[in-house]
Every structure is written in structure tokens, then in C-alpha cells.
Amino acid sequence: MVFMKIGLTYNSLPEKNSRYKTDEFAEFDDISTILAMKNAIESDGYEVVLIEANEDAYEKLKNLKPDFVFNIAEGLRGTSRESQIPAMLEMLGIPYSGSNVLVHAISLDKAKTKEVLDYYGIPTPKFQIFRIENEKLNKDLNFPLFVKPNAEGSSKGITSKSVVNNEEELRERVKFIISRYKQPALVEEFLDGREFTVSLLGNDPPEVLPIVEFKFDSLPNGVPRFDCYEVKWFWDSPKSKVETVICPAKIDKELEIKIKNIALDTFRILDCVDFCRIDIRLDKNNMPNVLEINTLPGLIPDPKENSRFPKACYAAGMSYDQIILSILRAAMKRYNIEIPVKVHVK
């Protein structure tokens, strides 16, 4: 007996492991991840229909009429691409998991996110947006500076060249980012402290999962000491013998409380729901600063991949199926949808 039809909206990599060749599709999911999510939802007795988030997505959603959508789609293009599927679903009146249109749009725009955080007193590195390479540098910003695309995820555009130590390096990197990613460059002060990422699951209030810390001590000389594209997808790959991700983080209780409180405040201030991941780095005074918010964190099932959100869940004792179903149930509860009792059918 099937109680509900669940749509699974996603964007898939054009070929297996293609993110190791180019960062163009780094945010998209491998088909193995998509099928793992599908199997997890089906394990609770639901019918699952797969819906690729491409130009045909609206018609597919309209015709298939799912009762609910588990959304993990990054969107195709544009600086508000993560809002594309939620906007379609709201137009069609279909409830869905994850944050809403506005939250996705703001969180992907790193500068807008930082403006909101700054307004509410959440620590975040001082920054400036460069829309053209020769904009005058704000006198309040001190080198070293960190340069990255303003609206990308999965460490796209973040490499060993992202930290700049003088104005010549700054102009060169800003020019590259604007040209390569067709969007403004975000320039912020580089914090040389410990780096963490915090996963949150559920609502009212969300559960703060075990904190993940990035450790760069074992990396070879010349490899960046921050969570950049090379570290995330090459040095932290299943084939690598270097361990860069530790969970739970080895921190004292005082720092743990600070990090968790800032993560909870950020989740609440930005109106995030169901699940998200918040990247944090310590400043010279050991104060946690929010770098950015990922409202569609990666959900790669293989523990060897060190996908940050699942790693925190695994440390909390959850299985992969439990991760996916916990997100789904939190979202359904938010819509006051009664979760049917699972019926096993022989």
C-alpha cells in the first residue's frame, strides 16, 4: 500500500565523478546519491518519482502531481538558481522540504547573507563586493584578503589563489573570478583560525549535530589551509590517505557552546527550515565567524566521501536512511501533514 507520492527533485552530474575534472557541475549530485535518497524514502513505504530540475521540470511537476517533494535541486543557472524549484512548487501548491524561495536566494548570495548577519550582530568577516576589477578597495579591509565568487557553492572558485596578500594579487584574482564565473567577486578579510562546519536538522528548535572540524596539518606543503576545491574534492577524496575532516570536533565546552549558539541564531535569523549547514571560522580572538550558509548541503551517502552533513549525522548515530527520512518528516510536520504509519507489503 502506498500512502503518498513523493517527488525527488535534483540536478545530476553529466557523468560520474565529473566534479574531479571541472568545477562547472560541482554542486550537482552523482546518480548514486540520487538513487540512495530514492531508496531511503521508498523504505518508508512511499512511491518516489524522480524529477530532474531542468527546463522541463515545471511541466513534469504539473503532470505528475506529487503529494510532496523532497527537494535537493541546485537549479540550472543564475544567482538565484536554488530558488527555481521552490518557486515552481509554490506556484503549483505542492509542499516541499527545505527552505523557501527567499531563503535560498539570500543564502546563495554571500554578500546579502553577510549584510543580514551583520545587521543582527552575528560575527562575519568584513567584506566588499567587486563588480569590476578596478573598484577602489575599502580602507577598512586589511590584507590578507580572501576572494571568491559571490554566488557559488561546493567550493567553486575557491583555490590556493583565493588568499591574496597585496593589491596586485587582489586585482588579478578579482578579474579572474568575474571573468570565469560571470558574477561579482566577494572579497573578505581572511581569518587564520580553526575552521568548522555545523549541520542543523529539524525545526522549533533544530537539532545541532556534532560539529565537524577541518584539520589541515597533514596536508603537503603548498596545499591551502582552508576548505577549498582542491582540499574538498581531491585531498579529501575516498582514494586519499590524508584525513582533513574530524567529527566530532575536538574543542572545549565553551567554544562548542559559542559555535552552536551562533549556528542556531543564524538558522533562526535567516528563516532556514528542516536542514542546513553553516560554515564557521575563528578569528584572532577565537570568536566564531560565519562564512556562509548552505541551505542545500550535500547528502552523499558514502562515508568515505566525508560529505559534511551526513558525516555529522553519522557521528550522531544515524544511518543514511534515517538522515533522509528525518529531513522528510521534519518538513511534513512543518506543513502539518500526518505522517502515515509504514506498512510492509510482501
Protein backbone atom coordinates (compact mmCIF):
# COMPACT_ATOMS: atom_id res chain seq x y z
CA MET A 1 0.00 0.00 0.00
CA VAL A 2 1.40 3.42 -1.00
CA PHE A 3 0.22 6.37 1.04
CA MET A 4 1.86 9.25 -0.80
CA LYS A 5 3.69 10.04 -3.99
CA ILE A 6 6.94 11.85 -3.23
CA GLY A 7 8.72 13.78 -5.95
CA LEU A 8 12.51 13.88 -5.70
CA THR A 9 13.84 16.97 -7.46
CA TYR A 10 17.55 17.06 -8.22
CA ASN A 11 20.30 18.01 -10.66
CA SER A 12 22.59 15.18 -11.73
CA LEU A 13 26.23 15.26 -12.78
CA PRO A 14 26.61 14.82 -16.54
CA GLU A 15 28.96 11.90 -15.91
CA LYS A 16 30.26 10.01 -12.89
CA ASN A 17 32.95 11.84 -10.92
CA SER A 18 32.91 14.78 -13.36
CA ARG A 19 33.49 17.20 -10.46
CA TYR A 20 37.05 15.88 -10.36
CA LYS A 21 37.57 17.18 -13.90
CA THR A 22 35.87 20.59 -13.68
CA ASP A 23 34.03 22.64 -11.06
CA GLU A 24 31.27 23.57 -13.53
CA PHE A 25 28.84 20.99 -12.14
CA ALA A 26 30.35 20.63 -8.66
CA GLU A 27 27.04 21.32 -6.91
CA PHE A 28 25.17 18.60 -8.79
CA ASP A 29 24.72 15.06 -7.45
CA ASP A 30 26.05 11.78 -8.74
CA ILE A 31 23.27 9.37 -9.74
CA SER A 32 24.33 7.05 -6.91
CA THR A 33 23.44 9.76 -4.38
CA ILE A 34 20.07 10.40 -6.03
CA LEU A 35 19.22 6.70 -6.01
CA ALA A 36 20.29 6.39 -2.37
CA MET A 37 17.83 9.17 -1.46
CA LYS A 38 15.13 7.47 -3.52
CA ASN A 39 15.73 4.14 -1.79
CA ALA A 40 15.68 5.80 1.63
CA ILE A 41 12.28 7.41 1.00
CA GLU A 42 10.87 4.23 -0.52
CA SER A 43 11.99 2.28 2.55
CA ASP A 44 9.27 4.12 4.48
CA GLY A 45 6.52 2.96 2.12
CA TYR A 46 6.31 5.94 -0.24
CA GLU A 47 6.21 5.94 -4.01
CA VAL A 48 9.05 8.09 -5.37
CA VAL A 49 9.17 9.80 -8.76
CA LEU A 50 12.46 11.29 -9.95
CA ILE A 51 12.26 14.77 -11.46
CA GLU A 52 15.38 16.33 -12.99
CA ALA A 53 15.42 20.08 -12.33
CA ASN A 54 15.86 21.12 -15.95
CA GLU A 55 13.80 23.26 -18.34
CA ASP A 56 11.05 20.60 -18.36
CA ALA A 57 10.71 20.47 -14.57
CA TYR A 58 7.59 22.64 -14.33
CA GLU A 59 5.59 20.51 -16.76
CA LYS A 60 6.80 17.32 -15.05
CA LEU A 61 5.69 18.59 -11.66
CA LYS A 62 2.37 19.79 -13.06
CA ASN A 63 1.64 16.48 -14.79
CA LEU A 64 2.97 14.07 -12.16
CA LYS A 65 1.25 15.92 -9.29
CA PRO A 66 3.35 14.59 -6.40
CA ASP A 67 1.79 14.91 -2.95
CA PHE A 68 5.08 16.19 -1.56
CA VAL A 69 8.54 16.98 -2.91
CA PHE A 70 11.91 16.18 -1.37
CA ASN A 71 13.97 18.94 -2.94
CA ILE A 72 17.73 18.77 -3.36
CA ALA A 73 17.88 20.61 -6.71
CA GLU A 74 20.59 23.24 -7.15
CA GLY A 75 18.93 24.80 -10.22
CA LEU A 76 20.36 25.32 -13.67
CA ARG A 77 21.73 28.83 -13.87
CA GLY A 78 21.63 32.31 -12.39
CA THR A 79 22.41 33.70 -8.95
CA SER A 80 19.00 32.65 -7.60
CA ARG A 81 19.04 29.18 -9.16
CA GLU A 82 18.43 27.33 -5.88
CA SER A 83 15.05 29.08 -5.72
CA GLN A 84 13.86 27.83 -9.11
CA ILE A 85 12.27 24.56 -7.97
CA PRO A 86 10.77 26.01 -4.75
CA ALA A 87 9.18 28.82 -6.83
CA MET A 88 7.61 26.28 -9.19
CA LEU A 89 6.34 24.20 -6.28
CA GLU A 90 4.79 27.21 -4.56
CA MET A 91 3.07 28.21 -7.80
CA LEU A 92 1.66 24.69 -8.13
CA GLY A 93 0.71 24.45 -4.46
CA ILE A 94 2.95 21.45 -3.78
CA PRO A 95 4.56 21.26 -0.31
CA TYR A 96 8.29 20.58 -0.21
CA SER A 97 11.27 20.03 2.05
CA GLY A 98 13.88 22.66 2.77
CA SER A 99 13.90 26.42 2.91
CA ASN A 100 11.70 28.70 0.82
CA VAL A 101 12.38 30.80 -2.27
CA LEU A 102 13.65 33.88 -0.44
CA VAL A 103 15.90 31.97 1.96
CA HIS A 104 17.59 30.05 -0.86
CA ALA A 105 18.07 33.25 -2.86
CA ILE A 106 19.63 35.15 0.05
CA SER A 107 21.84 32.30 1.26
CA LEU A 108 23.35 31.71 -2.18
CA ASP A 109 24.15 35.43 -2.42
CA LYS A 110 27.03 35.53 0.07
CA ALA A 111 27.10 39.33 0.31
CA LYS A 112 23.37 39.59 1.04
CA THR A 113 23.74 36.86 3.66
CA LYS A 114 26.57 38.76 5.34
CA GLU A 115 24.56 42.00 5.28
CA VAL A 116 21.70 40.26 7.11
CA LEU A 117 24.07 38.65 9.62
CA ASP A 118 25.85 41.94 10.24
CA TYR A 119 22.53 43.70 10.86
CA TYR A 120 21.66 41.17 13.56
CA GLY A 121 25.10 41.24 15.15
CA ILE A 122 26.25 37.80 14.00
CA PRO A 123 30.06 37.87 13.57
CA THR A 124 31.17 37.59 9.94
CA PRO A 125 34.40 38.77 8.26
CA LYS A 126 34.43 42.34 6.92
CA PHE A 127 33.85 42.33 3.19
CA GLN A 128 33.39 44.22 -0.05
CA ILE A 129 31.73 43.28 -3.35
CA PHE A 130 33.69 43.88 -6.57
CA ARG A 131 31.56 44.13 -9.69
CA ILE A 132 34.51 45.36 -11.76
CA GLU A 133 38.17 44.61 -11.17
CA ASN A 134 39.32 48.20 -10.62
CA GLU A 135 36.85 49.19 -7.90
CA LYS A 136 38.51 51.10 -5.10
CA LEU A 137 39.43 48.88 -2.17
CA ASN A 138 37.70 49.80 1.08
CA LYS A 139 40.26 51.23 3.52
CA ASP A 140 38.72 49.23 6.38
CA LEU A 141 39.81 45.93 4.81
CA ASN A 142 43.20 44.57 5.79
CA PHE A 143 45.34 42.04 3.94
CA PRO A 144 45.44 39.10 3.68
CA LEU A 145 42.08 39.04 1.90
CA PHE A 146 40.01 36.15 0.59
CA VAL A 147 38.43 36.28 -2.89
CA LYS A 148 35.61 34.03 -4.08
CA PRO A 149 32.54 34.08 -6.35
CA ASN A 150 29.58 35.72 -4.69
CA ALA A 151 27.01 33.07 -5.62
CA GLU A 152 28.55 29.60 -5.86
CA GLY A 153 28.68 26.54 -3.64
CA SER A 154 30.74 23.36 -3.24
CA SER A 155 33.91 25.50 -3.03
CA LYS A 156 33.63 26.53 -6.69
CA GLY A 157 36.20 29.23 -7.44
CA ILE A 158 37.94 28.73 -4.08
CA THR A 159 41.52 27.57 -4.66
CA SER A 160 45.07 28.12 -3.45
CA LYS A 161 44.96 31.51 -5.20
CA SER A 162 41.96 32.73 -3.21
CA VAL A 163 44.07 34.25 -0.42
CA VAL A 164 45.73 37.45 -1.65
CA ASN A 165 48.41 39.40 0.19
CA ASN A 166 48.60 42.65 -1.76
CA GLU A 167 46.62 44.77 -4.19
CA GLU A 168 48.25 43.33 -7.29
CA GLU A 169 47.20 39.79 -6.33
CA LEU A 170 43.76 41.09 -5.38
CA ARG A 171 43.15 42.69 -8.79
CA GLU A 172 44.34 39.60 -10.61
CA ARG A 173 42.09 37.27 -8.64
CA VAL A 174 39.04 39.56 -8.80
CA LYS A 175 39.46 39.81 -12.57
CA PHE A 176 39.62 36.02 -12.85
CA ILE A 177 36.51 35.43 -10.71
CA ILE A 178 34.39 37.99 -12.56
CA SER A 179 35.50 36.65 -15.94
CA ARG A 180 35.29 32.92 -15.12
CA TYR A 181 32.05 32.87 -13.12
CA LYS A 182 30.19 35.81 -14.71
CA GLN A 183 29.29 37.35 -11.37
CA PRO A 184 30.70 39.73 -8.77
CA ALA A 185 33.64 38.71 -6.59
CA LEU A 186 33.25 38.71 -2.82
CA VAL A 187 36.36 39.98 -1.04
CA GLU A 188 36.56 39.48 2.72
CA GLU A 189 39.22 39.55 5.39
CA PHE A 190 40.91 36.18 5.74
CA LEU A 191 40.59 34.62 9.18
CA ASP A 192 43.54 32.41 10.02
CA GLY A 193 41.84 30.43 12.78
CA ARG A 194 40.33 26.97 13.08
CA GLU A 195 37.58 26.07 10.60
CA PHE A 196 34.32 24.25 11.31
CA THR A 197 31.01 23.43 9.70
CA VAL A 198 27.80 22.98 11.67
CA SER A 199 24.83 20.92 10.49
CA LEU A 200 21.32 21.54 11.79
CA LEU A 201 18.36 19.21 11.42
CA GLY A 202 14.67 19.78 12.17
CA ASN A 203 12.71 22.76 13.45
CA ASP A 204 11.50 24.57 16.59
CA PRO A 205 14.33 24.34 17.51
CA PRO A 206 16.55 22.40 15.13
CA GLU A 207 19.00 19.85 16.47
CA VAL A 208 22.61 20.96 16.26
CA LEU A 209 24.53 17.89 15.13
CA PRO A 210 28.12 17.08 16.17
CA ILE A 211 30.44 19.81 14.91
CA VAL A 212 32.78 18.99 12.02
CA GLU A 213 36.30 20.44 12.08
CA PHE A 214 38.69 20.75 9.16
CA LYS A 215 42.27 19.79 10.00
CA PHE A 216 44.96 20.74 7.53
CA ASP A 217 48.11 19.76 9.46
CA SER A 218 48.70 16.58 7.46
CA LEU A 219 48.43 18.24 4.04
CA PRO A 220 51.63 18.62 1.97
CA ASN A 221 53.38 21.97 1.80
CA GLY A 222 51.76 24.32 -0.68
CA VAL A 223 48.23 22.94 -0.22
CA PRO A 224 45.86 25.62 1.16
CA ARG A 225 44.96 25.54 4.85
CA PHE A 226 41.26 26.13 4.25
CA ASP A 227 38.37 24.13 2.82
CA CYS A 228 38.95 24.93 -0.84
CA TYR A 229 38.13 22.99 -4.01
CA GLU A 230 41.42 21.07 -4.03
CA VAL A 231 41.06 20.04 -0.40
CA LYS A 232 37.36 19.16 -0.63
CA TRP A 233 37.40 17.13 -3.85
CA PHE A 234 40.98 15.87 -4.17
CA TRP A 235 42.77 15.63 -0.82
CA ASP A 236 39.54 14.66 0.92
CA SER A 237 38.54 12.06 -1.70
CA PRO A 238 37.97 8.35 -0.91
CA LYS A 239 41.31 7.49 -2.54
CA SER A 240 43.28 9.95 -0.42
CA LYS A 241 45.12 8.79 2.69
CA VAL A 242 45.04 12.28 4.19
CA GLU A 243 42.37 12.90 6.83
CA THR A 244 41.14 16.50 6.78
CA VAL A 245 37.70 16.14 8.35
CA ILE A 246 37.14 15.30 12.03
CA CYS A 247 33.80 14.79 13.71
CA PRO A 248 33.07 15.42 16.49
CA ALA A 249 35.46 18.36 16.63
CA LYS A 250 37.97 18.27 19.47
CA ILE A 251 37.06 21.52 21.18
CA ASP A 252 36.38 22.65 24.73
CA LYS A 253 32.85 23.10 26.01
CA GLU A 254 32.99 26.90 25.98
CA LEU A 255 33.90 27.04 22.29
CA GLU A 256 31.36 24.35 21.46
CA ILE A 257 28.58 26.38 23.08
CA LYS A 258 29.66 29.55 21.24
CA ILE A 259 29.68 27.79 17.87
CA LYS A 260 26.33 26.09 18.44
CA ASN A 261 24.66 29.30 19.62
CA ILE A 262 25.89 31.26 16.61
CA ALA A 263 24.71 28.46 14.31
CA LEU A 264 21.27 28.41 15.93
CA ASP A 265 20.97 32.22 15.75
CA THR A 266 21.95 32.16 12.07
CA PHE A 267 19.42 29.42 11.29
CA ARG A 268 16.67 31.42 13.02
CA ILE A 269 17.59 34.85 11.63
CA LEU A 270 17.64 33.63 8.03
CA ASP A 271 14.40 31.62 8.49
CA CYS A 272 16.04 28.33 7.48
CA VAL A 273 13.95 25.17 7.91
CA ASP A 274 14.38 21.39 8.02
CA PHE A 275 18.14 21.20 7.43
CA CYS A 276 21.14 23.32 6.56
CA ARG A 277 24.88 23.61 7.11
CA ILE A 278 26.76 26.68 8.35
CA ASP A 279 30.47 27.25 7.73
CA ILE A 280 32.37 28.94 10.55
CA ARG A 281 35.96 30.07 11.10
CA LEU A 282 37.60 31.53 14.20
CA ASP A 283 39.16 34.99 14.17
CA LYS A 284 42.33 36.00 16.03
CA ASN A 285 40.31 36.29 19.26
CA ASN A 286 38.88 32.77 18.85
CA MET A 287 35.46 34.23 18.12
CA PRO A 288 33.41 32.10 15.68
CA ASN A 289 32.59 33.99 12.47
CA VAL A 290 30.00 32.79 9.95
CA LEU A 291 31.48 32.44 6.47
CA GLU A 292 28.39 31.25 4.63
CA ILE A 293 25.20 29.20 4.84
CA ASN A 294 24.35 26.18 2.71
CA THR A 295 20.59 25.60 2.64
CA LEU A 296 21.05 22.61 0.31
CA PRO A 297 24.02 20.80 1.86
CA GLY A 298 25.45 17.79 0.08
CA LEU A 299 23.97 14.42 1.04
CA ILE A 300 26.49 11.98 -0.46
CA PRO A 301 25.89 8.60 1.24
CA ASP A 302 29.38 7.05 1.10
CA PRO A 303 31.11 7.79 4.45
CA LYS A 304 34.47 7.76 2.66
CA GLU A 305 33.41 10.88 0.74
CA ASN A 306 33.22 12.86 4.02
CA SER A 307 30.13 14.72 2.83
CA ARG A 308 29.84 17.16 5.70
CA PHE A 309 26.15 16.94 6.63
CA PRO A 310 25.96 13.12 6.57
CA LYS A 311 29.27 12.92 8.48
CA ALA A 312 27.74 14.92 11.33
CA CYS A 313 24.64 12.70 11.25
CA TYR A 314 26.73 9.53 11.27
CA ALA A 315 28.57 10.86 14.33
CA ALA A 316 25.16 11.29 15.98
CA GLY A 317 24.42 7.62 15.36
CA MET A 318 22.12 7.93 12.37
CA SER A 319 22.03 5.72 9.27
CA TYR A 320 21.76 7.25 5.80
CA ASP A 321 18.09 6.26 5.51
CA GLN A 322 17.42 7.92 8.86
CA ILE A 323 19.07 11.13 7.66
CA ILE A 324 16.83 11.41 4.59
CA LEU A 325 13.66 10.37 6.42
CA SER A 326 14.37 12.80 9.29
CA ILE A 327 14.55 15.68 6.80
CA LEU A 328 11.36 14.48 5.11
CA ARG A 329 9.45 14.06 8.38
CA ALA A 330 10.59 17.45 9.70
CA ALA A 331 9.28 19.08 6.53
CA MET A 332 5.97 17.20 6.62
CA LYS A 333 5.46 18.12 10.26
CA ARG A 334 6.04 21.77 9.35
CA TYR A 335 3.14 21.53 6.88
CA ASN A 336 1.00 19.69 9.47
CA ILE A 337 0.93 16.66 7.18
CA GLU A 338 0.15 13.48 9.06
CA ILE A 339 2.99 11.02 8.59
CA PRO A 340 1.43 7.66 7.72
CA VAL A 341 2.41 4.55 9.61
CA LYS A 342 4.69 2.42 7.44
CA VAL A 343 3.04 -0.71 6.05
CA HIS A 344 5.24 -3.53 4.84
CA VAL A 345 3.90 -5.14 1.67
CA LYS A 346 5.01 -8.65 0.78
